[in-house]
């Protein structure tokens, strides 16, 4: 009724490390958008006079590289709503997987309604003062499918900023910081 439709229907499988594949993916995504738009106009009542106004500036990528952190957030952690003593973020977003075949998708809510992300998933033993935020933190594939959304990434960014300040204040490396301190301030 408002005259606006948001559609998330196109799917691509891509190697995120291949720049030539990215160029091909951009072209394929635009082709899919035009095809989906035509389908609505030709087949869905009420869309006969509609037209495509805009699309995203570039192809979005849900998953690529992730760090191997001090702790890997597991699918079970998310589904069971495991509370960690160094939890820095809380979310209620479900595991949300859209397969690249364009046919199937899966949405699974945490059993408790919420799940927590530990600070240890933002740091690694390999680089002492590296703190990651967003979809590149240490998580299994399905767990990643619920941490990659903007609000959770923002919460992880806040945790990373606080961790950087706290590690400076305490004179320790970021990967040695006790995440319990962050939990007290963030949750």
Protein backbone atom coordinates (compact mmCIF):
# COMPACT_ATOMS: atom_id res chain seq x y z
CA UNK A 1 0.00 0.00 0.00
CA UNK A 2 2.85 2.44 0.59
CA UNK A 3 4.12 1.88 -2.94
CA UNK A 4 7.49 0.60 -1.74
CA UNK A 5 8.76 -2.99 -1.83
CA UNK A 6 12.04 -4.19 -0.41
CA UNK A 7 13.18 -7.39 -2.11
CA UNK A 8 16.11 -9.58 -1.06
CA UNK A 9 15.94 -12.29 -3.70
CA UNK A 10 19.15 -12.41 -5.73
CA UNK A 11 21.84 -14.95 -4.88
CA UNK A 12 25.44 -15.37 -5.99
CA UNK A 13 28.24 -17.69 -5.05
CA UNK A 14 31.60 -15.96 -5.20
CA UNK A 15 35.18 -16.35 -4.11
CA UNK A 16 35.68 -13.13 -2.13
CA UNK A 17 39.42 -13.20 -2.76
CA UNK A 18 39.11 -13.12 -6.56
CA UNK A 19 38.75 -9.56 -7.90
CA UNK A 20 37.77 -10.75 -11.38
CA UNK A 21 35.01 -12.88 -9.84
CA UNK A 22 33.77 -9.73 -8.07
CA UNK A 23 33.40 -7.93 -11.41
CA UNK A 24 31.46 -10.86 -12.85
CA UNK A 25 29.33 -11.03 -9.72
CA UNK A 26 28.41 -7.34 -10.03
CA UNK A 27 27.20 -7.92 -13.59
CA UNK A 28 25.30 -11.07 -12.64
CA UNK A 29 23.66 -9.34 -9.68
CA UNK A 30 22.39 -6.52 -11.93
CA UNK A 31 21.07 -9.12 -14.40
CA UNK A 32 19.22 -10.92 -11.59
CA UNK A 33 17.73 -7.64 -10.35
CA UNK A 34 16.34 -6.83 -13.80
CA UNK A 35 14.96 -10.36 -14.15
CA UNK A 36 13.28 -10.29 -10.72
CA UNK A 37 11.79 -6.85 -11.46
CA UNK A 38 10.37 -8.10 -14.78
CA UNK A 39 8.92 -11.14 -13.04
CA UNK A 40 6.98 -8.96 -10.59
CA UNK A 41 5.71 -6.67 -13.34
CA UNK A 42 4.60 -9.56 -15.56
CA UNK A 43 3.27 -11.98 -12.94
CA UNK A 44 2.23 -10.33 -9.69
CA UNK A 45 -1.10 -8.47 -9.59
CA UNK A 46 -0.63 -4.86 -8.57
CA UNK A 47 2.86 -4.60 -10.04
CA UNK A 48 1.79 -4.02 -13.66
CA UNK A 49 2.81 -0.35 -13.61
CA UNK A 50 5.72 -0.64 -11.20
CA UNK A 51 9.34 0.05 -12.08
CA UNK A 52 12.75 -0.42 -10.52
CA UNK A 53 13.93 2.80 -8.89
CA UNK A 54 17.26 1.78 -7.41
CA UNK A 55 19.43 -1.03 -6.18
CA UNK A 56 22.39 -1.27 -3.86
CA UNK A 57 25.57 0.51 -4.89
CA UNK A 58 27.46 -2.78 -4.90
CA UNK A 59 26.92 -6.45 -4.33
CA UNK A 60 26.73 -7.31 -0.66
CA UNK A 61 28.69 -10.23 0.73
CA UNK A 62 27.33 -12.05 3.75
CA UNK A 63 30.38 -14.18 4.52
CA UNK A 64 34.07 -14.15 3.75
CA UNK A 65 37.16 -14.37 5.93
CA UNK A 66 36.95 -14.63 9.70
CA UNK A 67 39.66 -14.58 12.33
CA UNK A 68 40.57 -17.68 14.32
CA UNK A 69 40.10 -16.12 17.72
CA UNK A 70 40.90 -17.21 21.22
CA UNK A 71 37.36 -18.57 21.19
CA UNK A 72 35.19 -19.64 18.26
CA UNK A 73 31.54 -18.74 18.83
CA UNK A 74 29.70 -21.98 18.05
CA UNK A 75 26.31 -22.66 16.58
CA UNK A 76 25.37 -24.31 19.87
CA UNK A 77 26.43 -21.20 21.83
CA UNK A 78 23.97 -19.16 19.79
CA UNK A 79 21.11 -21.66 19.87
CA UNK A 80 21.45 -22.28 23.61
CA UNK A 81 21.96 -18.60 24.48
CA UNK A 82 25.17 -19.42 26.37
CA UNK A 83 26.18 -16.58 28.67
CA UNK A 84 29.93 -15.99 28.84
CA UNK A 85 31.80 -14.36 31.71
CA UNK A 86 33.43 -12.11 29.11
CA UNK A 87 30.28 -11.39 27.06
CA UNK A 88 30.51 -8.02 25.32
CA UNK A 89 27.44 -8.10 23.08
CA UNK A 90 23.92 -9.47 23.28
CA UNK A 91 21.68 -10.10 20.28
CA UNK A 92 18.37 -11.69 19.40
CA UNK A 93 18.89 -11.96 15.64
CA UNK A 94 18.27 -15.52 14.41
CA UNK A 95 20.59 -17.73 12.41
CA UNK A 96 19.66 -16.50 8.94
CA UNK A 97 21.09 -18.47 6.04
CA UNK A 98 20.16 -17.88 2.40
CA UNK A 99 21.80 -20.55 0.29
CA UNK A 100 23.44 -19.44 -2.94
CA UNK A 101 21.24 -21.83 -4.93
CA UNK A 102 18.41 -19.32 -4.47
CA UNK A 103 15.97 -22.06 -3.53
CA UNK A 104 16.35 -22.62 0.17
CA UNK A 105 16.82 -20.54 3.26
CA UNK A 106 16.85 -21.23 6.96
CA UNK A 107 15.95 -19.06 9.93
CA UNK A 108 16.51 -20.49 13.41
CA UNK A 109 15.91 -18.45 16.55
CA UNK A 110 17.99 -18.93 19.70
CA UNK A 111 16.14 -21.15 22.20
CA UNK A 112 16.37 -18.47 24.88
CA UNK A 113 15.48 -15.63 22.49
CA UNK A 114 18.94 -14.07 22.87
CA UNK A 115 22.59 -15.03 22.59
CA UNK A 116 25.88 -13.51 23.76
CA UNK A 117 29.24 -12.93 22.11
CA UNK A 118 32.43 -13.27 24.18
CA UNK A 119 35.30 -10.84 23.92
CA UNK A 120 37.61 -13.80 23.23
CA UNK A 121 35.95 -14.09 19.78
CA UNK A 122 37.25 -10.61 18.93
CA UNK A 123 40.92 -11.26 19.70
CA UNK A 124 43.53 -13.83 18.74
CA UNK A 125 46.73 -15.20 20.20
CA UNK A 126 48.51 -14.43 16.91
CA UNK A 127 48.46 -10.62 17.07
CA UNK A 128 48.43 -9.07 20.53
CA UNK A 129 46.77 -5.72 19.84
CA UNK A 130 44.31 -6.63 17.12
CA UNK A 131 40.64 -6.32 18.09
CA UNK A 132 38.07 -7.22 15.49
CA UNK A 133 34.48 -6.09 15.26
CA UNK A 134 31.72 -7.14 12.92
CA UNK A 135 31.39 -10.14 10.69
CA UNK A 136 35.12 -11.01 10.74
CA UNK A 137 35.15 -12.19 14.37
CA UNK A 138 35.75 -15.81 15.29
CA UNK A 139 32.54 -17.80 14.71
CA UNK A 140 31.28 -20.97 13.07
CA UNK A 141 29.34 -20.60 9.81
CA UNK A 142 25.82 -20.73 11.26
CA UNK A 143 26.77 -18.58 14.26
CA UNK A 144 28.23 -16.08 11.83
CA UNK A 145 24.86 -15.92 10.07
CA UNK A 146 23.38 -14.08 13.05
CA UNK A 147 26.29 -11.86 14.09
CA UNK A 148 26.80 -10.22 10.68
CA UNK A 149 23.84 -7.83 11.00
CA UNK A 150 24.42 -4.12 11.52
CA UNK A 151 23.20 -3.71 15.10
CA UNK A 152 25.33 -6.59 16.36
CA UNK A 153 28.34 -5.30 14.40
CA UNK A 154 27.79 -1.90 16.02
CA UNK A 155 27.74 -3.49 19.47
CA UNK A 156 30.97 -5.33 18.67
CA UNK A 157 32.49 -2.04 17.49
CA UNK A 158 31.59 -0.44 20.80
CA UNK A 159 33.17 -3.38 22.62
CA UNK A 160 36.33 -3.10 20.49
CA UNK A 161 36.66 0.62 21.24
CA UNK A 162 36.19 0.09 24.96
CA UNK A 163 38.66 -2.82 24.91
CA UNK A 164 41.28 -0.65 23.21
CA UNK A 165 40.87 2.08 25.85
CA UNK A 166 40.85 -0.41 28.73
CA UNK A 167 43.97 -2.22 27.51
CA UNK A 168 45.78 1.13 27.28
CA UNK A 169 44.59 2.12 30.76
CA UNK A 170 45.71 -1.20 32.21
CA UNK A 171 48.98 -1.31 30.26
CA UNK A 172 48.28 -4.71 28.74
CA UNK A 173 47.88 -6.09 25.25
CA UNK A 174 44.33 -6.24 23.96
CA UNK A 175 44.39 -10.02 23.78
CA UNK A 176 45.42 -10.19 27.45
CA UNK A 177 42.62 -7.93 28.69
CA UNK A 178 40.14 -9.58 31.05
CA UNK A 179 36.84 -9.44 29.19
CA UNK A 180 34.91 -9.50 32.50
CA UNK A 181 35.77 -5.80 32.83
CA UNK A 182 34.12 -5.11 29.49
CA UNK A 183 31.04 -7.15 30.38
CA UNK A 184 30.48 -5.05 33.50
CA UNK A 185 30.45 -1.88 31.41
CA UNK A 186 28.59 -3.13 28.34
CA UNK A 187 25.89 -5.53 29.51
